[in-house]
Amino acid sequence: MDDLDFTRKFNVVDKKIGTREILSSVYDSLKLKGYNPINQIVGYILSEDPTYITNYNNARALITRIDRDELLQELVISYLEKDG
């Protein structure tokens, strides 16, 4: 069977783990380069301007793989679940 002949299913949990891993990697890269990671990531999320994120460790390319709307939804859900 050809690799293109099958349907691949992705679990929502797998997607969240992937997002968490990407964000953690981007955070670490920003911190290593001396930036304030929270400010830089928030700047990127608000503006969608990838120059907020360093190229170090391929962080800029990684963060652009995350859908911003889905990321914001996950952040709000996570915040509310921890608060409640």
C-alpha atoms as a PDB file:
ATOM      1  CA  MET A   1       0.000   0.000   0.000  1.00  0.00           C
ATOM      2  CA  ASP A   2       1.274   3.465  -0.931  1.00  0.00           C
ATOM      3  CA  ASP A   3       1.802   5.965   1.904  1.00  0.00           C
ATOM      4  CA  LEU A   4      -0.675   8.305   0.217  1.00  0.00           C
ATOM      5  CA  ASP A   5      -3.457   5.699   0.229  1.00  0.00           C
ATOM      6  CA  PHE A   6      -4.290   5.810   3.921  1.00  0.00           C
ATOM      7  CA  THR A   7      -6.100   8.243   6.149  1.00  0.00           C
ATOM      8  CA  ARG A   8      -4.101   9.510   9.043  1.00  0.00           C
ATOM      9  CA  LYS A   9      -5.873  10.479  12.253  1.00  0.00           C
ATOM     10  CA  PHE A  10      -4.390  12.874  14.743  1.00  0.00           C
ATOM     11  CA  ASN A  11      -5.491  12.928  18.309  1.00  0.00           C
ATOM     12  CA  VAL A  12      -6.309  16.326  19.852  1.00  0.00           C
ATOM     13  CA  VAL A  13      -4.051  15.436  22.778  1.00  0.00           C
ATOM     14  CA  ASP A  14      -1.161  14.860  20.334  1.00  0.00           C
ATOM     15  CA  LYS A  15      -1.770  18.296  18.851  1.00  0.00           C
ATOM     16  CA  LYS A  16      -1.735  19.947  22.280  1.00  0.00           C
ATOM     17  CA  ILE A  17       1.488  18.169  23.168  1.00  0.00           C
ATOM     18  CA  GLY A  18       3.003  19.333  19.891  1.00  0.00           C
ATOM     19  CA  THR A  19       1.927  22.896  20.592  1.00  0.00           C
ATOM     20  CA  ARG A  20       3.285  22.702  24.140  1.00  0.00           C
ATOM     21  CA  GLU A  21       6.616  21.323  22.889  1.00  0.00           C
ATOM     22  CA  ILE A  22       6.905  24.029  20.231  1.00  0.00           C
ATOM     23  CA  LEU A  23       6.072  26.808  22.689  1.00  0.00           C
ATOM     24  CA  SER A  24       8.534  25.426  25.237  1.00  0.00           C
ATOM     25  CA  SER A  25      11.270  25.220  22.624  1.00  0.00           C
ATOM     26  CA  VAL A  26      10.583  28.764  21.407  1.00  0.00           C
ATOM     27  CA  TYR A  27      10.512  30.012  25.010  1.00  0.00           C
ATOM     28  CA  ASP A  28      13.870  28.366  25.750  1.00  0.00           C
ATOM     29  CA  SER A  29      15.441  29.754  22.576  1.00  0.00           C
ATOM     30  CA  LEU A  30      14.282  33.281  23.378  1.00  0.00           C
ATOM     31  CA  LYS A  31      15.550  32.994  26.947  1.00  0.00           C
ATOM     32  CA  LEU A  32      18.949  31.685  25.779  1.00  0.00           C
ATOM     33  CA  LYS A  33      19.302  34.655  23.449  1.00  0.00           C
ATOM     34  CA  GLY A  34      18.583  37.086  26.296  1.00  0.00           C
ATOM     35  CA  TYR A  35      15.038  38.102  25.367  1.00  0.00           C
ATOM     36  CA  ASN A  36      12.006  38.245  27.646  1.00  0.00           C
ATOM     37  CA  PRO A  37      10.228  35.168  26.226  1.00  0.00           C
ATOM     38  CA  ILE A  38       6.756  36.086  27.477  1.00  0.00           C
ATOM     39  CA  ASN A  39       6.863  39.567  25.948  1.00  0.00           C
ATOM     40  CA  GLN A  40       8.217  38.243  22.653  1.00  0.00           C
ATOM     41  CA  ILE A  41       5.654  35.441  22.348  1.00  0.00           C
ATOM     42  CA  VAL A  42       2.776  37.788  23.248  1.00  0.00           C
ATOM     43  CA  GLY A  43       4.068  40.282  20.668  1.00  0.00           C
ATOM     44  CA  TYR A  44       4.078  37.546  18.055  1.00  0.00           C
ATOM     45  CA  ILE A  45       0.587  36.325  18.955  1.00  0.00           C
ATOM     46  CA  LEU A  46      -0.888  39.833  18.838  1.00  0.00           C
ATOM     47  CA  SER A  47       0.820  40.963  15.649  1.00  0.00           C
ATOM     48  CA  GLU A  48       1.587  37.709  13.819  1.00  0.00           C
ATOM     49  CA  ASP A  49       4.951  39.326  13.066  1.00  0.00           C
ATOM     50  CA  PRO A  50       7.510  36.497  13.176  1.00  0.00           C
ATOM     51  CA  THR A  51      10.378  38.918  13.796  1.00  0.00           C
ATOM     52  CA  TYR A  52       9.365  38.887  17.471  1.00  0.00           C
ATOM     53  CA  ILE A  53      10.820  35.369  17.545  1.00  0.00           C
ATOM     54  CA  THR A  54      14.508  34.615  17.162  1.00  0.00           C
ATOM     55  CA  ASN A  55      15.798  32.362  14.396  1.00  0.00           C
ATOM     56  CA  TYR A  56      18.007  30.666  16.987  1.00  0.00           C
ATOM     57  CA  ASN A  57      17.314  26.901  17.152  1.00  0.00           C
ATOM     58  CA  ASN A  58      14.785  27.325  14.322  1.00  0.00           C
ATOM     59  CA  ALA A  59      12.353  28.941  16.795  1.00  0.00           C
ATOM     60  CA  ARG A  60      10.785  31.293  14.242  1.00  0.00           C
ATOM     61  CA  ALA A  61       9.965  28.483  11.834  1.00  0.00           C
ATOM     62  CA  LEU A  62       8.598  26.378  14.682  1.00  0.00           C
ATOM     63  CA  ILE A  63       6.214  28.982  16.043  1.00  0.00           C
ATOM     64  CA  THR A  64       4.760  29.683  12.604  1.00  0.00           C
ATOM     65  CA  ARG A  65       3.575  26.049  12.558  1.00  0.00           C
ATOM     66  CA  ILE A  66       1.108  26.854  15.348  1.00  0.00           C
ATOM     67  CA  ASP A  67      -2.277  28.275  14.373  1.00  0.00           C
ATOM     68  CA  ARG A  68      -2.628  31.474  16.431  1.00  0.00           C
ATOM     69  CA  ASP A  69      -6.384  31.178  16.902  1.00  0.00           C
ATOM     70  CA  GLU A  70      -6.074  27.630  18.196  1.00  0.00           C
ATOM     71  CA  LEU A  71      -3.204  28.680  20.442  1.00  0.00           C
ATOM     72  CA  LEU A  72      -5.273  31.484  21.957  1.00  0.00           C
ATOM     73  CA  GLN A  73      -8.171  29.103  22.529  1.00  0.00           C
ATOM     74  CA  GLU A  74      -5.887  26.602  24.263  1.00  0.00           C
ATOM     75  CA  LEU A  75      -4.355  29.338  26.421  1.00  0.00           C
ATOM     76  CA  VAL A  76      -7.758  30.639  27.557  1.00  0.00           C
ATOM     77  CA  ILE A  77      -9.034  27.119  28.277  1.00  0.00           C
ATOM     78  CA  SER A  78      -5.868  26.268  30.202  1.00  0.00           C
ATOM     79  CA  TYR A  79      -6.033  29.511  32.179  1.00  0.00           C
ATOM     80  CA  LEU A  80      -9.687  29.029  33.095  1.00  0.00           C
ATOM     81  CA  GLU A  81      -9.231  25.385  34.027  1.00  0.00           C
ATOM     82  CA  LYS A  82      -6.365  26.220  36.403  1.00  0.00           C
ATOM     83  CA  ASP A  83      -8.239  29.191  37.851  1.00  0.00           C
ATOM     84  CA  GLY A  84     -11.503  27.321  38.379  1.00  0.00           C
END
